[in-house]
Amino acid sequence: MMIVRVKSKEHSFTIPIPYAILRMGSGILTSNLVQHKVKGWLKKQDRHADEHSSRKADFDSDSNQFVSDIMLSILENRSTQQAIRQLIKELQHCKGTVLVDVQAQDGTEVLIKL
């Protein structure tokens, strides 16, 4: 089980996330329907960026295009779902490992622990 703890000055809460939920979430995120929607959003964003780049050509538009191309290639790769499943399976063997432990300047703390 993954545990997410968030503490701030006003509030503090803990969210336990079972590995079954992580597996279901990864299955949904790597499903064909979600991949199709994300591809549509990325292509729409690229068209929108192209319209604005005609006014101003800069490094940001090239960078955004590169990130979009990488995202599309990851989505189209069929081994992504298998890799995510294997990652979750391996995380189950690492109980007690702290993945994230950060504290912001305003005193907010975030802890993600297996």
N, C-alpha and C. Protein backbone atom coordinates (compact mmCIF):
# COMPACT_ATOMS: atom_id res chain seq x y z
N MET A 1 0.84 -1.17 0.00
CA MET A 1 0.00 0.00 0.00
C MET A 1 0.89 1.24 0.00
N MET A 2 0.56 2.17 -0.85
CA MET A 2 1.27 3.43 -0.91
C MET A 2 0.53 4.42 0.00
N ILE A 3 1.30 5.18 0.77
CA ILE A 3 0.70 6.16 1.69
C ILE A 3 1.18 7.55 1.30
N VAL A 4 0.22 8.44 1.11
CA VAL A 4 0.51 9.83 0.78
C VAL A 4 0.07 10.69 1.97
N ARG A 5 1.02 11.42 2.54
CA ARG A 5 0.72 12.31 3.67
C ARG A 5 1.01 13.74 3.27
N VAL A 6 0.06 14.61 3.54
CA VAL A 6 0.23 16.03 3.26
C VAL A 6 -0.08 16.79 4.55
N LYS A 7 0.86 17.61 4.97
CA LYS A 7 0.68 18.42 6.18
C LYS A 7 0.90 19.88 5.82
N SER A 8 -0.03 20.70 6.24
CA SER A 8 0.14 22.15 6.11
C SER A 8 -0.19 22.77 7.46
N LYS A 9 -0.13 24.08 7.52
CA LYS A 9 -0.41 24.74 8.79
C LYS A 9 -1.86 24.55 9.22
N GLU A 10 -2.77 24.54 8.23
CA GLU A 10 -4.19 24.44 8.54
C GLU A 10 -4.70 23.00 8.57
N HIS A 11 -4.18 22.15 7.67
CA HIS A 11 -4.74 20.81 7.51
C HIS A 11 -3.63 19.77 7.45
N SER A 12 -4.04 18.54 7.77
CA SER A 12 -3.15 17.41 7.64
C SER A 12 -4.00 16.20 7.28
N PHE A 13 -3.61 15.49 6.24
CA PHE A 13 -4.37 14.30 5.88
C PHE A 13 -3.46 13.23 5.30
N THR A 14 -3.93 11.99 5.41
CA THR A 14 -3.22 10.82 4.92
C THR A 14 -4.13 10.06 3.98
N ILE A 15 -3.59 9.67 2.83
CA ILE A 15 -4.36 8.92 1.84
C ILE A 15 -3.67 7.58 1.60
N PRO A 16 -4.28 6.48 2.04
CA PRO A 16 -3.72 5.16 1.71
C PRO A 16 -4.20 4.73 0.33
N ILE A 17 -3.27 4.29 -0.51
CA ILE A 17 -3.61 3.88 -1.88
C ILE A 17 -3.19 2.42 -2.06
N PRO A 18 -4.16 1.50 -2.11
CA PRO A 18 -3.81 0.09 -2.31
C PRO A 18 -3.23 -0.14 -3.71
N TYR A 19 -2.39 -1.16 -3.82
CA TYR A 19 -1.78 -1.47 -5.12
C TYR A 19 -2.83 -1.86 -6.15
N ALA A 20 -3.95 -2.42 -5.72
CA ALA A 20 -5.02 -2.76 -6.66
C ALA A 20 -5.55 -1.50 -7.35
N ILE A 21 -5.66 -0.41 -6.61
CA ILE A 21 -6.11 0.86 -7.19
C ILE A 21 -5.07 1.37 -8.17
N LEU A 22 -3.78 1.24 -7.84
CA LEU A 22 -2.71 1.66 -8.76
C LEU A 22 -2.77 0.85 -10.05
N ARG A 23 -3.00 -0.46 -9.93
CA ARG A 23 -3.09 -1.30 -11.13
C ARG A 23 -4.29 -0.92 -11.98
N MET A 24 -5.43 -0.66 -11.34
CA MET A 24 -6.62 -0.24 -12.10
C MET A 24 -6.38 1.11 -12.77
N GLY A 25 -5.77 2.03 -12.04
CA GLY A 25 -5.49 3.35 -12.61
C GLY A 25 -4.53 3.28 -13.78
N SER A 26 -3.52 2.43 -13.68
CA SER A 26 -2.58 2.29 -14.79
C SER A 26 -3.26 1.65 -15.99
N GLY A 27 -4.17 0.71 -15.73
CA GLY A 27 -4.92 0.10 -16.83
C GLY A 27 -5.81 1.10 -17.54
N ILE A 28 -6.42 1.98 -16.77
CA ILE A 28 -7.28 3.01 -17.37
C ILE A 28 -6.44 4.02 -18.15
N LEU A 29 -5.32 4.47 -17.56
CA LEU A 29 -4.49 5.47 -18.23
C LEU A 29 -3.84 4.96 -19.51
N THR A 30 -3.62 3.65 -19.58
CA THR A 30 -2.98 3.09 -20.78
C THR A 30 -4.00 2.42 -21.71
N SER A 31 -5.28 2.63 -21.45
CA SER A 31 -6.31 2.04 -22.31
C SER A 31 -6.36 2.78 -23.65
N ASN A 32 -6.92 2.11 -24.64
CA ASN A 32 -7.00 2.70 -25.98
C ASN A 32 -7.85 3.97 -25.99
N LEU A 33 -8.94 3.99 -25.23
CA LEU A 33 -9.81 5.16 -25.19
C LEU A 33 -9.06 6.39 -24.66
N VAL A 34 -8.37 6.24 -23.55
CA VAL A 34 -7.65 7.37 -22.96
C VAL A 34 -6.50 7.79 -23.88
N GLN A 35 -5.81 6.82 -24.48
CA GLN A 35 -4.72 7.15 -25.40
C GLN A 35 -5.24 7.95 -26.58
N HIS A 36 -6.40 7.56 -27.10
CA HIS A 36 -6.99 8.27 -28.23
C HIS A 36 -7.33 9.72 -27.84
N LYS A 37 -7.90 9.90 -26.64
CA LYS A 37 -8.25 11.25 -26.17
C LYS A 37 -7.01 12.11 -25.97
N VAL A 38 -5.96 11.54 -25.36
CA VAL A 38 -4.74 12.30 -25.12
C VAL A 38 -4.09 12.69 -26.44
N LYS A 39 -4.09 11.77 -27.41
CA LYS A 39 -3.53 12.09 -28.73
C LYS A 39 -4.29 13.27 -29.35
N GLY A 40 -5.62 13.26 -29.22
CA GLY A 40 -6.43 14.35 -29.74
C GLY A 40 -6.10 15.66 -29.05
N TRP A 41 -5.94 15.64 -27.73
CA TRP A 41 -5.62 16.86 -26.99
C TRP A 41 -4.24 17.38 -27.39
N LEU A 42 -3.26 16.47 -27.53
CA LEU A 42 -1.92 16.91 -27.91
C LEU A 42 -1.90 17.51 -29.32
N LYS A 43 -2.62 16.89 -30.25
CA LYS A 43 -2.66 17.41 -31.61
C LYS A 43 -3.37 18.76 -31.64
N LYS A 44 -4.43 18.90 -30.85
CA LYS A 44 -5.14 20.17 -30.78
C LYS A 44 -4.23 21.25 -30.19
N GLN A 45 -3.46 20.89 -29.17
CA GLN A 45 -2.52 21.83 -28.55
C GLN A 45 -1.44 22.22 -29.56
N ASP A 46 -0.96 21.26 -30.36
CA ASP A 46 0.05 21.56 -31.37
C ASP A 46 -0.49 22.56 -32.39
N ARG A 47 -1.72 22.35 -32.85
CA ARG A 47 -2.32 23.28 -33.81
C ARG A 47 -2.46 24.66 -33.21
N HIS A 48 -2.85 24.72 -31.93
CA HIS A 48 -3.00 25.99 -31.24
C HIS A 48 -1.65 26.68 -31.11
N ALA A 49 -0.60 25.91 -30.81
CA ALA A 49 0.74 26.48 -30.67
C ALA A 49 1.26 26.97 -32.02
N ASP A 50 0.92 26.26 -33.10
CA ASP A 50 1.36 26.68 -34.44
C ASP A 50 0.76 28.03 -34.81
N GLU A 51 -0.49 28.27 -34.42
CA GLU A 51 -1.14 29.54 -34.71
C GLU A 51 -0.42 30.69 -34.01
N HIS A 52 0.01 30.44 -32.77
CA HIS A 52 0.69 31.49 -32.02
C HIS A 52 2.15 31.64 -32.44
N SER A 53 2.74 30.58 -32.95
CA SER A 53 4.15 30.67 -33.34
C SER A 53 4.33 31.51 -34.60
N SER A 54 3.26 31.70 -35.39
CA SER A 54 3.38 32.55 -36.57
C SER A 54 3.64 34.00 -36.16
N ARG A 55 3.14 34.37 -34.98
CA ARG A 55 3.40 35.72 -34.49
C ARG A 55 4.77 35.84 -33.85
N LYS A 56 5.19 34.77 -33.18
CA LYS A 56 6.44 34.85 -32.42
C LYS A 56 7.12 33.49 -32.46
N ALA A 57 8.22 33.39 -33.17
CA ALA A 57 8.98 32.14 -33.24
C ALA A 57 10.03 32.16 -32.15
N ASP A 58 9.96 31.20 -31.23
CA ASP A 58 10.95 31.13 -30.17
C ASP A 58 11.22 29.68 -29.79
N PHE A 59 12.10 29.49 -28.83
CA PHE A 59 12.51 28.16 -28.40
C PHE A 59 11.37 27.40 -27.76
N ASP A 60 10.44 28.09 -27.08
CA ASP A 60 9.34 27.43 -26.38
C ASP A 60 8.46 26.63 -27.32
N SER A 61 8.17 27.13 -28.50
CA SER A 61 7.32 26.39 -29.43
C SER A 61 7.99 25.11 -29.91
N ASP A 62 9.32 25.16 -30.16
CA ASP A 62 10.06 23.96 -30.53
C ASP A 62 10.09 22.97 -29.38
N SER A 63 10.25 23.47 -28.17
CA SER A 63 10.28 22.61 -26.99
C SER A 63 8.94 21.93 -26.78
N ASN A 64 7.84 22.67 -26.94
CA ASN A 64 6.51 22.10 -26.78
C ASN A 64 6.25 21.03 -27.83
N GLN A 65 6.69 21.25 -29.05
CA GLN A 65 6.53 20.26 -30.12
C GLN A 65 7.29 18.99 -29.79
N PHE A 66 8.50 19.13 -29.26
CA PHE A 66 9.33 17.99 -28.89
C PHE A 66 8.66 17.17 -27.80
N VAL A 67 8.13 17.85 -26.77
CA VAL A 67 7.45 17.15 -25.67
C VAL A 67 6.21 16.43 -26.19
N SER A 68 5.46 17.05 -27.07
CA SER A 68 4.27 16.42 -27.65
C SER A 68 4.65 15.19 -28.45
N ASP A 69 5.74 15.26 -29.22
CA ASP A 69 6.18 14.10 -29.99
C ASP A 69 6.59 12.95 -29.09
N ILE A 70 7.27 13.27 -27.99
CA ILE A 70 7.66 12.22 -27.04
C ILE A 70 6.44 11.59 -26.41
N MET A 71 5.47 12.41 -26.00
CA MET A 71 4.25 11.87 -25.38
C MET A 71 3.51 10.95 -26.34
N LEU A 72 3.40 11.36 -27.60
CA LEU A 72 2.72 10.52 -28.59
C LEU A 72 3.46 9.21 -28.81
N SER A 73 4.78 9.24 -28.85
CA SER A 73 5.52 8.00 -29.06
C SER A 73 5.39 7.06 -27.87
N ILE A 74 5.34 7.61 -26.66
CA ILE A 74 5.15 6.77 -25.47
C ILE A 74 3.77 6.13 -25.49
N LEU A 75 2.76 6.91 -25.86
CA LEU A 75 1.39 6.38 -25.90
C LEU A 75 1.24 5.29 -26.95
N GLU A 76 1.92 5.45 -28.06
CA GLU A 76 1.79 4.48 -29.14
C GLU A 76 2.57 3.21 -28.89
N ASN A 77 3.52 3.22 -27.96
CA ASN A 77 4.34 2.06 -27.65
C ASN A 77 3.52 1.09 -26.79
N ARG A 78 3.32 -0.12 -27.27
CA ARG A 78 2.50 -1.12 -26.58
C ARG A 78 3.15 -1.67 -25.32
N SER A 79 4.46 -1.53 -25.17
CA SER A 79 5.12 -2.07 -23.98
C SER A 79 4.99 -1.14 -22.78
N THR A 80 4.42 0.04 -22.96
CA THR A 80 4.25 0.98 -21.85
C THR A 80 3.38 0.38 -20.75
N GLN A 81 2.26 -0.22 -21.13
CA GLN A 81 1.35 -0.81 -20.13
C GLN A 81 2.05 -1.94 -19.38
N GLN A 82 2.79 -2.77 -20.08
CA GLN A 82 3.50 -3.87 -19.43
C GLN A 82 4.57 -3.34 -18.48
N ALA A 83 5.26 -2.29 -18.87
CA ALA A 83 6.30 -1.70 -18.02
C ALA A 83 5.70 -1.10 -16.75
N ILE A 84 4.56 -0.46 -16.86
CA ILE A 84 3.91 0.12 -15.68
C ILE A 84 3.45 -0.98 -14.75
N ARG A 85 2.87 -2.04 -15.30
CA ARG A 85 2.46 -3.18 -14.46
C ARG A 85 3.64 -3.78 -13.73
N GLN A 86 4.76 -3.96 -14.43
CA GLN A 86 5.96 -4.52 -13.82
C GLN A 86 6.50 -3.60 -12.73
N LEU A 87 6.45 -2.29 -12.96
CA LEU A 87 6.90 -1.33 -11.96
C LEU A 87 6.07 -1.44 -10.69
N ILE A 88 4.76 -1.50 -10.82
CA ILE A 88 3.88 -1.61 -9.65
C ILE A 88 4.14 -2.93 -8.92
N LYS A 89 4.36 -3.98 -9.67
CA LYS A 89 4.66 -5.30 -9.06
C LYS A 89 5.95 -5.23 -8.25
N GLU A 90 6.96 -4.57 -8.78
CA GLU A 90 8.23 -4.44 -8.07
C GLU A 90 8.12 -3.51 -6.86
N LEU A 91 7.28 -2.49 -6.95
CA LEU A 91 7.09 -1.59 -5.81
C LEU A 91 6.54 -2.33 -4.60
N GLN A 92 5.77 -3.38 -4.82
CA GLN A 92 5.20 -4.15 -3.72
C GLN A 92 6.28 -4.82 -2.88
N HIS A 93 7.45 -5.05 -3.46
CA HIS A 93 8.55 -5.71 -2.74
C HIS A 93 9.42 -4.72 -1.97
N CYS A 94 9.13 -3.44 -2.06
CA CYS A 94 9.95 -2.40 -1.45
C CYS A 94 9.21 -1.68 -0.33
N LYS A 95 8.58 -2.44 0.56
CA LYS A 95 7.79 -1.83 1.63
C LYS A 95 8.67 -0.95 2.51
N GLY A 96 8.12 0.21 2.89
CA GLY A 96 8.82 1.13 3.77
C GLY A 96 9.69 2.14 3.05
N THR A 97 9.85 2.02 1.75
CA THR A 97 10.68 2.93 0.99
C THR A 97 9.99 4.29 0.86
N VAL A 98 10.73 5.35 1.12
CA VAL A 98 10.19 6.70 0.98
C VAL A 98 10.50 7.18 -0.43
N LEU A 99 9.46 7.47 -1.20
CA LEU A 99 9.63 7.95 -2.56
C LEU A 99 9.81 9.46 -2.62
N VAL A 100 9.00 10.17 -1.83
CA VAL A 100 9.05 11.63 -1.82
C VAL A 100 8.94 12.10 -0.37
N ASP A 101 9.83 13.00 0.02
CA ASP A 101 9.77 13.62 1.34
C ASP A 101 10.27 15.05 1.17
N VAL A 102 9.35 15.98 0.95
CA VAL A 102 9.71 17.37 0.69
C VAL A 102 8.97 18.30 1.65
N GLN A 103 9.60 19.45 1.87
CA GLN A 103 8.97 20.48 2.68
C GLN A 103 9.13 21.81 1.96
N ALA A 104 8.01 22.49 1.74
CA ALA A 104 8.02 23.78 1.06
C ALA A 104 8.39 24.89 2.05
N GLN A 105 8.67 26.06 1.50
CA GLN A 105 9.05 27.19 2.35
C GLN A 105 7.91 27.64 3.24
N ASP A 106 6.66 27.40 2.82
CA ASP A 106 5.52 27.80 3.64
C ASP A 106 5.20 26.79 4.73
N GLY A 107 5.98 25.72 4.86
CA GLY A 107 5.77 24.74 5.91
C GLY A 107 4.97 23.53 5.48
N THR A 108 4.52 23.49 4.25
CA THR A 108 3.76 22.35 3.76
C THR A 108 4.72 21.18 3.53
N GLU A 109 4.33 19.99 4.02
CA GLU A 109 5.14 18.80 3.88
C GLU A 109 4.38 17.75 3.09
N VAL A 110 5.10 17.03 2.23
CA VAL A 110 4.51 15.94 1.45
C VAL A 110 5.41 14.72 1.62
N LEU A 111 4.80 13.59 1.99
CA LEU A 111 5.52 12.34 2.17
C LEU A 111 4.79 11.25 1.40
N ILE A 112 5.51 10.57 0.50
CA ILE A 112 4.94 9.43 -0.20
C ILE A 112 5.81 8.23 0.13
N LYS A 113 5.18 7.24 0.75
CA LYS A 113 5.90 6.09 1.29
C LYS A 113 5.21 4.80 0.85
N LEU A 114 6.01 3.79 0.55
CA LEU A 114 5.44 2.50 0.16
C LEU A 114 5.13 1.68 1.40
